[in-house]
Amino acid sequence: MAIEFKDRHSSNDLNIFCELALKAEEYGAINLAQGSPDYAPDSRLTEFLQQAIHHDMNAYASACVLPLMQENLIRFNLSRPKPISVTEDEVTLVPGATYGMYVAFASFLEPGDEVIIIEPCYNTYVPAVEIRRAQPVFVQMPNSEIPWELIQQAITPRTKAIIVNSPNNPTGKVWDPTDWDLLWELIKDTDIIVISDEVYDLLCYDGREFLSAWHHPEISKRCFSIYSFEKMFHISGWKASYIIAPPEYTAAFRKIHQYLTFTVNAHAQFALGNFLQVFDVHQNRELFRAKRDLFCELFTGLPLEIIQKAEGGYFQTVSFCRQTFPYTDREFAELLIREAKVACVPYSAFYHDGRDTGQLRFCFAKEDQTLVQAAEQLKEFFAKSLSAATV
């Protein structure tokens, strides 16, 4: 008898980012859909990686974190504008933030448990919950405002966790101290665990201050905070992230993690750990703030509305007029790939039900010339489209 492979989650077989990347390649489109760099990483980082080859790190790792990485990562977090103080028993290296979230859920989530997911959200959250045979409970966030009343209504005796994402992908919203306090008020009399996706932690703009779940005196006692070197240094292909959690949470996490990957490859840890000592957080933030501002300037005058600049991260939300362009956001995104040769992500991809919001997400973390060229191609496309519509 043939083995039946049943679906373990409700999401598409091929995620939207891979799908759009393939379409962009097919049509020769500029890829502003994925948060992937189109330029080389910092030369110092690559030099450190080259140095790692000459160190004897080819045997099995004996610890979850390379000692050099552990020491420098703890020091780096203490040097933040708002320090994060952690111990060796609270930090774990993982091969990617999505992997980290899945193992976090595997450490405590049981079949039938509920996890609150605030939409729009990154599309790996739902599979991470459903593969554990738990139930996602969706709460929609209107106009980037956190719907506290709806979150409260979503909490039941079966609620085991809530996923928080700040700075948010795709909206760019950054949580402030009041948001964290309100969350605590909702969960303080429960056993709900906070899964805090903080991969864009270093990219907050216009005076916005990054606050981690770890900064909250109470939430820090029952949270998994997820960070990403891939986002910090814009090296998406390196697959290196880390988790901060209380010692008992970390112990439960590592019981599973040790039987999967155990750690991130030692050579990458060596390079990243050394780079942490010379990495300039302020300079990096200003680089991406300038790219965001350039993107918004270039898109001014196009029939795409930027309601609010992204407060953090490296994605900008835009809206299009469906009276002028009578398409769903998915149809319009695909039209832009085919005709304008520019790829973006339809906002419907960030909702479990694929709801059409008339919004698109563009990545501005690209070479300046890439953004200039994309804007020129969109300008030409819209000029032709609007001209044809008036004939």
Protein backbone atom coordinates (compact mmCIF):
# COMPACT_ATOMS: atom_id res chain seq x y z
CA MET A 1 0.00 0.00 0.00
CA ALA A 2 1.16 3.52 -0.79
CA ILE A 3 1.88 5.79 2.15
CA GLU A 4 -0.52 8.72 2.39
CA PHE A 5 1.22 11.99 3.15
CA LYS A 6 -1.42 14.19 4.75
CA ASP A 7 -1.25 17.95 4.82
CA ARG A 8 0.16 19.13 8.13
CA HIS A 9 -0.81 22.76 7.70
CA SER A 10 -3.30 24.87 5.76
CA SER A 11 -0.81 27.12 3.94
CA ASN A 12 0.16 26.77 0.30
CA ASP A 13 2.60 24.07 -0.78
CA LEU A 14 4.88 26.79 -2.14
CA ASN A 15 5.09 29.92 -0.01
CA ILE A 16 4.29 33.29 -1.60
CA PHE A 17 7.88 34.56 -1.44
CA CYS A 18 9.28 31.62 -3.39
CA GLU A 19 6.40 31.84 -5.83
CA LEU A 20 6.94 35.54 -6.50
CA ALA A 21 10.69 35.11 -6.75
CA LEU A 22 10.15 32.52 -9.47
CA LYS A 23 7.75 34.82 -11.30
CA ALA A 24 10.18 37.72 -11.00
CA GLU A 25 12.90 35.55 -12.51
CA GLU A 26 10.57 34.37 -15.27
CA TYR A 27 9.69 37.91 -16.35
CA GLY A 28 13.06 39.49 -15.59
CA ALA A 29 11.47 41.70 -12.92
CA ILE A 30 13.26 43.67 -10.21
CA ASN A 31 12.57 41.75 -7.01
CA LEU A 32 11.25 44.16 -4.37
CA ALA A 33 9.13 41.35 -2.96
CA GLN A 34 11.76 39.54 -0.89
CA GLY A 35 13.86 41.07 1.87
CA SER A 36 16.98 39.72 0.24
CA PRO A 37 20.06 41.86 -0.50
CA ASP A 38 21.20 42.65 -4.03
CA TYR A 39 24.62 43.80 -2.81
CA ALA A 40 27.59 42.24 -1.04
CA PRO A 41 27.75 42.07 2.77
CA ASP A 42 30.19 44.13 4.81
CA SER A 43 33.71 43.16 3.70
CA ARG A 44 34.79 42.73 7.32
CA LEU A 45 32.19 40.02 7.80
CA THR A 46 33.41 38.08 4.79
CA GLU A 47 37.00 38.50 5.98
CA PHE A 48 36.07 36.99 9.34
CA LEU A 49 34.45 34.07 7.53
CA GLN A 50 37.64 33.53 5.56
CA GLN A 51 39.61 33.56 8.80
CA ALA A 52 37.29 30.92 10.24
CA ILE A 53 38.45 28.43 7.61
CA HIS A 54 41.91 28.47 9.16
CA HIS A 55 40.64 27.62 12.64
CA ASP A 56 40.10 24.05 13.73
CA MET A 57 36.30 24.05 13.86
CA ASN A 58 35.59 21.00 11.72
CA ALA A 59 34.70 18.60 14.51
CA TYR A 60 31.26 18.30 16.08
CA ALA A 61 30.36 21.29 18.22
CA SER A 62 30.51 20.60 21.94
CA ALA A 63 28.10 23.39 22.92
CA CYS A 64 24.93 25.00 21.58
CA VAL A 65 26.82 28.30 21.21
CA LEU A 66 30.46 28.82 20.25
CA PRO A 67 32.16 30.41 23.30
CA LEU A 68 33.42 33.40 21.27
CA MET A 69 29.92 34.00 19.90
CA GLN A 70 28.32 33.61 23.29
CA GLU A 71 30.65 36.09 24.95
CA ASN A 72 30.34 38.71 22.22
CA LEU A 73 26.59 38.30 21.84
CA ILE A 74 26.02 38.83 25.56
CA ARG A 75 28.28 41.89 25.42
CA PHE A 76 26.53 43.21 22.30
CA ASN A 77 23.10 43.02 23.92
CA LEU A 78 24.38 44.88 26.96
CA SER A 79 25.67 47.66 24.68
CA ARG A 80 22.25 48.37 23.17
CA PRO A 81 20.74 51.84 23.77
CA LYS A 82 18.30 49.97 25.99
CA PRO A 83 20.41 47.05 27.29
CA ILE A 84 19.26 43.45 27.26
CA SER A 85 20.96 41.49 30.03
CA VAL A 86 21.16 37.74 29.46
CA THR A 87 23.18 34.81 30.74
CA GLU A 88 24.66 31.76 29.01
CA ASP A 89 21.58 29.77 30.05
CA GLU A 90 19.26 32.19 28.26
CA VAL A 91 20.73 32.36 24.73
CA THR A 92 20.59 29.69 22.01
CA LEU A 93 21.86 29.89 18.41
CA VAL A 94 19.48 28.51 15.78
CA PRO A 95 19.55 28.10 11.96
CA GLY A 96 16.91 30.71 11.22
CA ALA A 97 14.13 32.52 13.06
CA THR A 98 11.39 30.31 11.62
CA TYR A 99 13.19 27.24 12.93
CA GLY A 100 13.48 28.93 16.33
CA MET A 101 9.77 29.65 16.47
CA TYR A 102 8.90 26.08 15.54
CA VAL A 103 11.14 24.56 18.23
CA ALA A 104 9.79 27.03 20.78
CA PHE A 105 6.28 25.81 20.01
CA ALA A 106 7.44 22.19 20.08
CA SER A 107 8.71 22.70 23.62
CA PHE A 108 5.28 23.42 25.11
CA LEU A 109 2.43 23.39 22.58
CA GLU A 110 0.00 20.44 22.71
CA PRO A 111 -2.64 19.33 20.17
CA GLY A 112 -5.79 21.38 20.63
CA ASP A 113 -4.02 24.35 22.22
CA GLU A 114 -4.78 27.79 20.79
CA VAL A 115 -2.30 30.44 19.65
CA ILE A 116 -3.39 34.02 18.98
CA ILE A 117 -1.96 35.42 15.74
CA ILE A 118 -2.35 39.13 14.95
CA GLU A 119 -2.84 39.79 11.24
CA PRO A 120 -1.41 40.91 8.90
CA CYS A 121 1.46 38.62 9.79
CA TYR A 122 4.44 36.83 8.34
CA ASN A 123 3.27 33.67 6.62
CA THR A 124 5.37 31.13 8.53
CA TYR A 125 3.45 31.63 11.78
CA VAL A 126 0.42 29.56 10.87
CA PRO A 127 2.32 26.43 9.72
CA ALA A 128 4.46 26.53 12.87
CA VAL A 129 1.27 26.32 14.96
CA GLU A 130 -0.65 23.84 12.81
CA ILE A 131 2.22 21.36 12.45
CA ARG A 132 1.97 21.01 16.23
CA ARG A 133 -1.76 20.21 15.71
CA ALA A 134 -2.65 23.35 17.59
CA GLN A 135 -5.23 25.91 16.52
CA PRO A 136 -4.37 29.42 15.29
CA VAL A 137 -6.84 32.08 16.44
CA PHE A 138 -6.74 35.14 14.21
CA VAL A 139 -7.19 38.76 15.23
CA GLN A 140 -7.04 41.44 12.53
CA MET A 141 -5.13 44.67 13.12
CA PRO A 142 -6.91 47.60 11.44
CA ASN A 143 -4.76 50.53 10.28
CA SER A 144 -1.70 49.30 12.21
CA GLU A 145 -3.52 49.79 15.51
CA ILE A 146 -3.34 46.86 17.93
CA PRO A 147 -6.92 45.66 18.59
CA TRP A 148 -6.69 45.06 22.32
CA GLU A 149 -10.39 44.46 22.81
CA LEU A 150 -10.41 41.80 20.09
CA ILE A 151 -7.33 40.14 21.54
CA GLN A 152 -9.01 39.99 24.93
CA GLN A 153 -12.08 38.41 23.34
CA ALA A 154 -9.86 35.83 21.61
CA ILE A 155 -8.38 34.55 24.86
CA THR A 156 -9.92 31.28 26.07
CA PRO A 157 -8.89 28.64 28.63
CA ARG A 158 -7.16 26.85 25.74
CA THR A 159 -4.99 29.84 24.75
CA LYS A 160 -1.39 28.78 25.21
CA ALA A 161 0.51 31.53 23.39
CA ILE A 162 0.34 34.79 21.48
CA ILE A 163 2.73 35.84 18.70
CA VAL A 164 4.01 39.41 18.79
CA ASN A 165 6.04 40.96 15.97
CA SER A 166 7.76 44.32 16.50
CA PRO A 167 8.98 45.93 14.31
CA ASN A 168 6.20 44.35 12.34
CA ASN A 169 6.38 42.65 8.98
CA PRO A 170 4.59 43.79 6.85
CA THR A 171 3.23 46.98 8.47
CA GLY A 172 6.46 48.39 9.91
CA LYS A 173 4.73 49.19 13.21
CA VAL A 174 6.90 49.35 16.34
CA TRP A 175 5.41 48.53 19.73
CA ASP A 176 5.79 51.17 22.45
CA PRO A 177 5.88 50.75 26.27
CA THR A 178 2.11 51.17 26.54
CA ASP A 179 1.56 48.30 24.10
CA TRP A 180 3.68 45.94 26.19
CA ASP A 181 1.93 47.03 29.39
CA LEU A 182 -1.49 46.46 27.81
CA LEU A 183 -0.44 43.01 26.67
CA TRP A 184 0.65 42.14 30.19
CA GLU A 185 -2.68 43.31 31.59
CA LEU A 186 -4.43 40.86 29.26
CA ILE A 187 -2.26 37.83 30.06
CA LYS A 188 -1.07 38.36 33.64
CA ASP A 189 -3.77 36.12 35.12
CA THR A 190 -3.17 33.40 32.54
CA ASP A 191 -0.35 31.02 31.63
CA ILE A 192 -0.04 32.44 28.12
CA ILE A 193 3.49 32.43 26.69
CA VAL A 194 4.62 35.28 24.44
CA ILE A 195 6.43 34.34 21.24
CA SER A 196 8.09 37.63 20.30
CA ASP A 197 9.41 37.92 16.75
CA GLU A 198 12.00 40.70 17.04
CA VAL A 199 14.12 40.05 13.97
CA TYR A 200 14.05 43.72 12.86
CA ASP A 201 15.11 44.94 16.31
CA LEU A 202 17.95 47.17 15.09
CA LEU A 203 15.89 48.93 12.42
CA CYS A 204 13.65 51.48 14.13
CA TYR A 205 13.38 54.95 12.59
CA ASP A 206 12.44 58.55 13.36
CA GLY A 207 13.19 58.29 17.08
CA ARG A 208 11.23 55.07 17.58
CA GLU A 209 12.79 52.97 20.33
CA PHE A 210 12.96 49.21 20.05
CA LEU A 211 11.48 47.42 23.05
CA SER A 212 11.79 43.68 23.48
CA ALA A 213 9.48 41.38 25.35
CA TRP A 214 12.63 40.84 27.39
CA HIS A 215 12.55 44.47 28.51
CA HIS A 216 9.20 44.01 30.25
CA PRO A 217 9.80 42.92 33.87
CA GLU A 218 6.94 40.41 33.85
CA ILE A 219 6.63 39.29 30.22
CA SER A 220 10.35 38.48 30.21
CA LYS A 221 9.61 35.66 32.67
CA ARG A 222 7.50 33.79 30.09
CA CYS A 223 8.59 34.61 26.59
CA PHE A 224 10.74 33.42 23.72
CA SER A 225 12.33 36.42 21.99
CA ILE A 226 13.56 35.65 18.48
CA TYR A 227 16.37 37.55 16.77
CA SER A 228 18.10 37.18 13.40
CA PHE A 229 21.66 37.87 12.27
CA GLU A 230 20.22 37.54 8.76
CA LYS A 231 18.15 40.69 9.31
CA MET A 232 20.73 42.48 11.48
CA PHE A 233 23.43 42.25 8.83
CA HIS A 234 21.14 41.78 5.78
CA ILE A 235 22.59 38.38 4.89
CA SER A 236 19.43 36.35 4.34
CA GLY A 237 21.25 33.28 3.04
CA TRP A 238 23.33 32.70 6.18
CA LYS A 239 20.45 31.18 8.20
CA ALA A 240 21.73 32.24 11.61
CA SER A 241 19.50 33.53 14.39
CA TYR A 242 19.24 33.35 18.15
CA ILE A 243 16.65 32.89 20.87
CA ILE A 244 16.52 34.56 24.27
CA ALA A 245 14.32 32.92 26.91
CA PRO A 246 14.29 32.29 30.68
CA PRO A 247 16.56 29.42 31.80
CA GLU A 248 13.75 26.89 32.22
CA TYR A 249 12.34 27.80 28.79
CA THR A 250 15.80 27.56 27.25
CA ALA A 251 16.35 24.15 28.82
CA ALA A 252 13.08 22.85 27.35
CA PHE A 253 13.97 24.40 23.98
CA ARG A 254 17.42 22.78 23.92
CA LYS A 255 16.04 19.35 24.78
CA ILE A 256 14.47 19.38 21.31
CA HIS A 257 17.01 21.56 19.52
CA GLN A 258 19.90 19.23 20.39
CA TYR A 259 18.28 16.38 18.45
CA LEU A 260 17.61 18.49 15.36
CA THR A 261 20.53 20.77 14.43
CA PHE A 262 22.11 21.29 17.89
CA THR A 263 23.73 24.52 16.75
CA VAL A 264 24.59 26.85 13.86
CA ASN A 265 27.72 25.96 11.89
CA ALA A 266 30.83 27.03 13.80
CA HIS A 267 32.44 28.95 10.93
CA ALA A 268 29.46 31.29 10.61
CA GLN A 269 29.39 31.72 14.38
CA PHE A 270 33.07 32.67 14.37
CA ALA A 271 32.52 35.28 11.66
CA LEU A 272 29.32 36.69 13.15
CA GLY A 273 30.70 36.70 16.68
CA ASN A 274 33.74 38.68 15.61
CA PHE A 275 31.66 41.04 13.48
CA LEU A 276 29.53 41.92 16.50
CA GLN A 277 32.58 43.65 17.97
CA VAL A 278 32.91 46.10 15.07
CA PHE A 279 29.29 46.39 13.89
CA ASP A 280 27.94 49.96 14.07
CA VAL A 281 24.25 49.82 14.99
CA HIS A 282 23.63 53.53 14.41
CA GLN A 283 25.32 53.55 11.00
CA ASN A 284 23.36 50.47 9.96
CA ARG A 285 20.05 51.98 11.06
CA GLU A 286 20.77 55.23 9.20
CA LEU A 287 21.64 53.28 6.06
CA PHE A 288 18.23 51.63 5.98
CA ARG A 289 16.38 54.78 7.08
CA ALA A 290 17.94 56.56 4.10
CA LYS A 291 16.80 53.73 1.81
CA ARG A 292 13.26 53.99 3.19
CA ASP A 293 13.25 57.74 2.61
CA LEU A 294 14.64 57.33 -0.90
CA PHE A 295 11.96 54.75 -1.69
CA CYS A 296 9.19 57.07 -0.47
CA GLU A 297 10.64 60.00 -2.42
CA LEU A 298 10.91 57.95 -5.61
CA PHE A 299 7.34 56.68 -5.28
CA THR A 300 5.92 60.18 -4.77
CA GLY A 301 3.86 61.03 -7.82
CA LEU A 302 3.01 57.42 -8.65
CA PRO A 303 -0.63 56.32 -8.25
CA LEU A 304 0.43 54.41 -5.14
CA GLU A 305 -0.34 55.93 -1.75
CA ILE A 306 2.05 55.72 1.19
CA ILE A 307 -0.26 56.37 4.14
CA GLN A 308 2.53 56.13 6.71
CA LYS A 309 6.26 55.59 6.46
CA ALA A 310 7.45 52.33 7.99
CA GLU A 311 8.46 52.86 11.61
CA GLY A 312 10.85 49.93 11.45
CA GLY A 313 12.06 46.98 9.39
CA TYR A 314 12.73 47.21 5.67
CA PHE A 315 9.34 46.98 4.04
CA GLN A 316 7.02 49.78 2.99
CA THR A 317 3.26 49.41 2.60
CA VAL A 318 1.51 51.18 -0.29
CA SER A 319 -2.12 51.30 -1.38
CA PHE A 320 -3.52 51.46 -4.91
CA CYS A 321 -6.83 52.86 -6.12
CA ARG A 322 -9.08 50.05 -7.27
CA GLN A 323 -11.38 52.47 -9.08
CA THR A 324 -8.46 53.20 -11.38
CA PHE A 325 -7.01 49.68 -11.24
CA PRO A 326 -9.91 47.22 -10.76
CA TYR A 327 -7.84 44.29 -9.55
CA THR A 328 -7.37 42.32 -6.38
CA ASP A 329 -4.04 42.96 -4.72
CA ARG A 330 -2.81 39.57 -5.94
CA GLU A 331 -3.87 40.32 -9.53
CA PHE A 332 -2.29 43.74 -9.38
CA ALA A 333 0.99 42.41 -7.97
CA GLU A 334 1.16 39.86 -10.77
CA LEU A 335 0.34 42.56 -13.32
CA LEU A 336 3.26 44.65 -12.05
CA ILE A 337 5.59 41.68 -12.42
CA ARG A 338 4.48 41.03 -16.01
CA GLU A 339 4.10 44.57 -17.29
CA ALA A 340 6.23 46.85 -15.09
CA LYS A 341 8.84 44.17 -14.40
CA VAL A 342 8.77 45.00 -10.67
CA ALA A 343 7.85 42.43 -8.02
CA CYS A 344 6.13 43.17 -4.71
CA VAL A 345 3.97 41.16 -2.30
CA PRO A 346 0.17 41.49 -2.17
CA TYR A 347 -1.09 42.10 1.35
CA SER A 348 -3.54 39.22 1.01
CA ALA A 349 -0.52 36.94 1.52
CA PHE A 350 -0.35 38.13 5.12
CA TYR A 351 -3.89 37.02 5.98
CA HIS A 352 -4.94 33.39 6.50
CA ASP A 353 -8.10 33.92 4.44
CA GLY A 354 -6.34 35.79 1.63
CA ARG A 355 -8.52 38.85 2.12
CA ASP A 356 -7.99 41.60 -0.42
CA THR A 357 -6.99 44.93 1.15
CA GLY A 358 -5.82 46.87 -1.90
CA GLN A 359 -2.33 47.08 -0.42
CA LEU A 360 1.13 45.94 -1.48
CA ARG A 361 4.43 45.44 0.35
CA PHE A 362 7.69 46.61 -1.21
CA CYS A 363 11.20 45.95 0.11
CA PHE A 364 13.42 49.05 0.16
CA ALA A 365 16.53 47.23 1.45
CA LYS A 366 18.16 47.27 -1.96
CA GLU A 367 20.88 49.12 -3.82
CA ASP A 368 19.83 52.74 -4.40
CA GLN A 369 20.11 52.23 -8.14
CA THR A 370 17.79 49.23 -7.89
CA LEU A 371 15.14 51.42 -6.24
CA VAL A 372 15.66 54.16 -8.84
CA GLN A 373 15.28 51.69 -11.70
CA ALA A 374 12.17 50.11 -10.16
CA ALA A 375 10.54 53.53 -9.74
CA GLU A 376 11.34 54.40 -13.37
CA GLN A 377 9.79 51.18 -14.62
CA LEU A 378 6.67 51.71 -12.52
CA LYS A 379 6.42 55.31 -13.72
CA GLU A 380 6.55 54.15 -17.33
CA PHE A 381 3.98 51.40 -16.68
CA PHE A 382 1.51 53.73 -14.99
CA ALA A 383 1.93 56.38 -17.69
CA LYS A 384 1.03 53.84 -20.37
CA SER A 385 -1.83 52.33 -18.35
CA LEU A 386 -3.44 55.65 -17.49
CA SER A 387 -2.99 56.95 -21.02
CA ALA A 388 -4.66 53.87 -22.47
CA ALA A 389 -7.53 54.19 -19.99
CA THR A 390 -8.35 57.71 -21.19
CA VAL A 391 -8.39 56.83 -24.88
